[in-house]
Amino acid sequence: QVQVVESGGGLVQDGGSLNLTCVASGATFAFIGWYRQAPGKQRELVAAIGSNGHAVYTDSLKGRCTISASADNAKKIIYLQMNSLKSEDTAVYYCSAKRIGSGDFWGQGTQVTVSS
C-alpha cells in the first residue's frame, strides 16, 4: 500500500524559514515533488526530485528553497527547506509521488502560513 505523508507546516513570520518533510512508502518512485495551492489559485509545482537526484524548481521559489532526499529502509524521505518566506508563499503544500510504471499518489497536505 502506497502512503505519502507530509509534515512540517506551520505559521512563520515574513522572512522566516520552514523545513517540510514528505515520507513516501509502499513502492519505488520515479520522482517526488512538492506542490502548493493558495486560496483561489491552481495547484502549482514548487520543486521535484528524481530518483537520480536531479532537482527542478519553480521560478518563484528558485534560490529560496532546496529539495533533498534520503532513504530509510523502504521509505523515501523528501525534504523541502524554504527560506526568506513571503506572504505570497502562504498555501497548502502537498507532496506527490509518481510510482515507476503508473500512479500518482498525494499526501493530505500541510498548511504554511507566512505572516507579514
Protein backbone atom coordinates (compact mmCIF):
# COMPACT_ATOMS: atom_id res chain seq x y z
CA GLN A 1 0.00 0.00 0.00
CA VAL A 2 1.42 3.34 -1.07
CA GLN A 3 1.46 6.06 1.55
CA VAL A 4 2.51 9.70 1.26
CA VAL A 5 2.60 11.77 4.44
CA GLU A 6 3.66 15.41 4.82
CA SER A 7 4.69 17.27 7.95
CA GLY A 8 6.43 20.46 8.98
CA GLY A 9 3.99 23.19 8.02
CA GLY A 10 3.03 25.99 10.35
CA LEU A 11 2.98 29.71 10.97
CA VAL A 12 6.12 31.69 10.28
CA GLN A 13 6.90 35.38 10.06
CA ASP A 14 7.85 37.13 6.85
CA GLY A 15 11.49 36.33 6.10
CA GLY A 16 11.46 33.16 8.16
CA SER A 17 12.23 29.56 7.26
CA LEU A 18 10.46 26.21 7.30
CA ASN A 19 11.51 22.67 6.55
CA LEU A 20 8.80 20.39 5.16
CA THR A 21 9.13 16.62 5.22
CA CYS A 22 7.45 14.04 3.00
CA VAL A 23 7.63 10.31 3.69
CA ALA A 24 6.65 8.07 0.78
CA SER A 25 6.47 4.30 1.12
CA GLY A 26 4.99 1.22 -0.47
CA ALA A 27 6.50 1.50 -3.95
CA THR A 28 9.53 2.55 -5.98
CA PHE A 29 9.10 6.11 -7.17
CA ALA A 30 10.36 7.79 -10.32
CA PHE A 31 10.22 11.24 -8.75
CA ILE A 32 8.63 13.02 -5.81
CA GLY A 33 7.55 16.62 -5.83
CA TRP A 34 6.21 19.36 -3.64
CA TYR A 35 3.22 21.34 -4.89
CA ARG A 36 1.27 24.16 -3.35
CA GLN A 37 -2.19 25.61 -3.67
CA ALA A 38 -3.14 29.03 -2.40
CA PRO A 39 -6.79 30.04 -1.91
CA GLY A 40 -8.44 30.74 -5.25
CA LYS A 41 -5.41 29.60 -7.24
CA GLN A 42 -4.44 26.48 -9.13
CA ARG A 43 -2.09 23.94 -7.65
CA GLU A 44 1.46 24.54 -8.82
CA LEU A 45 4.75 22.70 -8.70
CA VAL A 46 7.25 24.05 -6.17
CA ALA A 47 10.12 21.59 -6.58
CA ALA A 48 10.67 17.97 -7.53
CA ILE A 49 13.50 15.48 -7.32
CA GLY A 50 14.05 12.38 -9.42
CA SER A 51 15.39 9.01 -8.41
CA ASN A 52 18.72 10.08 -9.93
CA GLY A 53 18.85 13.11 -7.62
CA HIS A 54 18.13 15.66 -10.32
CA ALA A 55 16.03 18.53 -8.95
CA VAL A 56 13.83 21.15 -10.57
CA TYR A 57 12.37 24.31 -9.04
CA THR A 58 9.63 26.75 -9.88
CA ASP A 59 10.90 30.24 -10.71
CA SER A 60 9.01 31.92 -7.86
CA LEU A 61 10.93 29.95 -5.24
CA LYS A 62 14.22 29.32 -7.03
CA GLY A 63 17.08 30.42 -4.80
CA ARG A 64 14.87 30.36 -1.73
CA CYS A 65 14.26 26.64 -1.39
CA THR A 66 16.17 23.38 -1.59
CA ILE A 67 14.75 19.92 -2.14
CA SER A 68 16.68 16.87 -0.98
CA ALA A 69 16.10 13.18 -0.50
CA SER A 70 17.13 10.35 1.76
CA ALA A 71 16.02 6.78 2.35
CA ASP A 72 15.14 4.86 5.47
CA ASN A 73 14.63 1.16 4.74
CA ALA A 74 11.69 1.04 2.33
CA LYS A 75 10.74 4.68 2.83
CA LYS A 76 11.76 7.64 0.70
CA ILE A 77 12.05 10.89 2.64
CA ILE A 78 11.92 14.19 0.79
CA TYR A 79 12.78 17.49 2.46
CA LEU A 80 11.87 20.96 1.28
CA GLN A 81 13.84 23.69 3.02
CA MET A 82 12.29 27.09 2.38
CA ASN A 83 13.98 30.36 3.33
CA SER A 84 13.15 34.07 3.09
CA LEU A 85 9.45 33.23 3.09
CA LYS A 86 6.98 35.82 1.89
CA SER A 87 3.26 36.25 2.45
CA GLU A 88 2.63 35.04 -1.11
CA ASP A 89 4.14 31.68 -0.13
CA THR A 90 1.11 31.05 2.07
CA ALA A 91 -0.60 27.92 0.77
CA VAL A 92 -1.32 24.30 1.44
CA TYR A 93 1.76 22.33 0.44
CA TYR A 94 1.28 18.83 -0.96
CA CYS A 95 3.71 16.03 -1.62
CA SER A 96 3.16 13.89 -4.70
CA ALA A 97 4.99 10.67 -5.51
CA LYS A 98 4.98 9.19 -9.01
CA ARG A 99 5.33 5.42 -8.91
CA ILE A 100 7.50 3.78 -11.55
CA GLY A 101 5.13 2.28 -14.10
CA SER A 102 1.97 4.11 -13.16
CA GLY A 103 0.22 6.02 -10.44
CA ASP A 104 0.50 9.42 -8.78
CA PHE A 105 -0.01 9.42 -5.03
CA TRP A 106 -0.76 12.53 -2.98
CA GLY A 107 -0.50 13.35 0.68
CA GLN A 108 -3.14 15.18 2.67
CA GLY A 109 -1.28 18.49 2.58
CA THR A 110 0.28 20.71 5.21
CA GLN A 111 -0.60 24.37 5.75
CA VAL A 112 2.12 27.00 5.51
CA THR A 113 1.14 30.49 6.64
CA VAL A 114 3.54 33.42 6.36
CA SER A 115 2.52 36.45 8.39
CA SER A 116 3.65 39.92 7.38
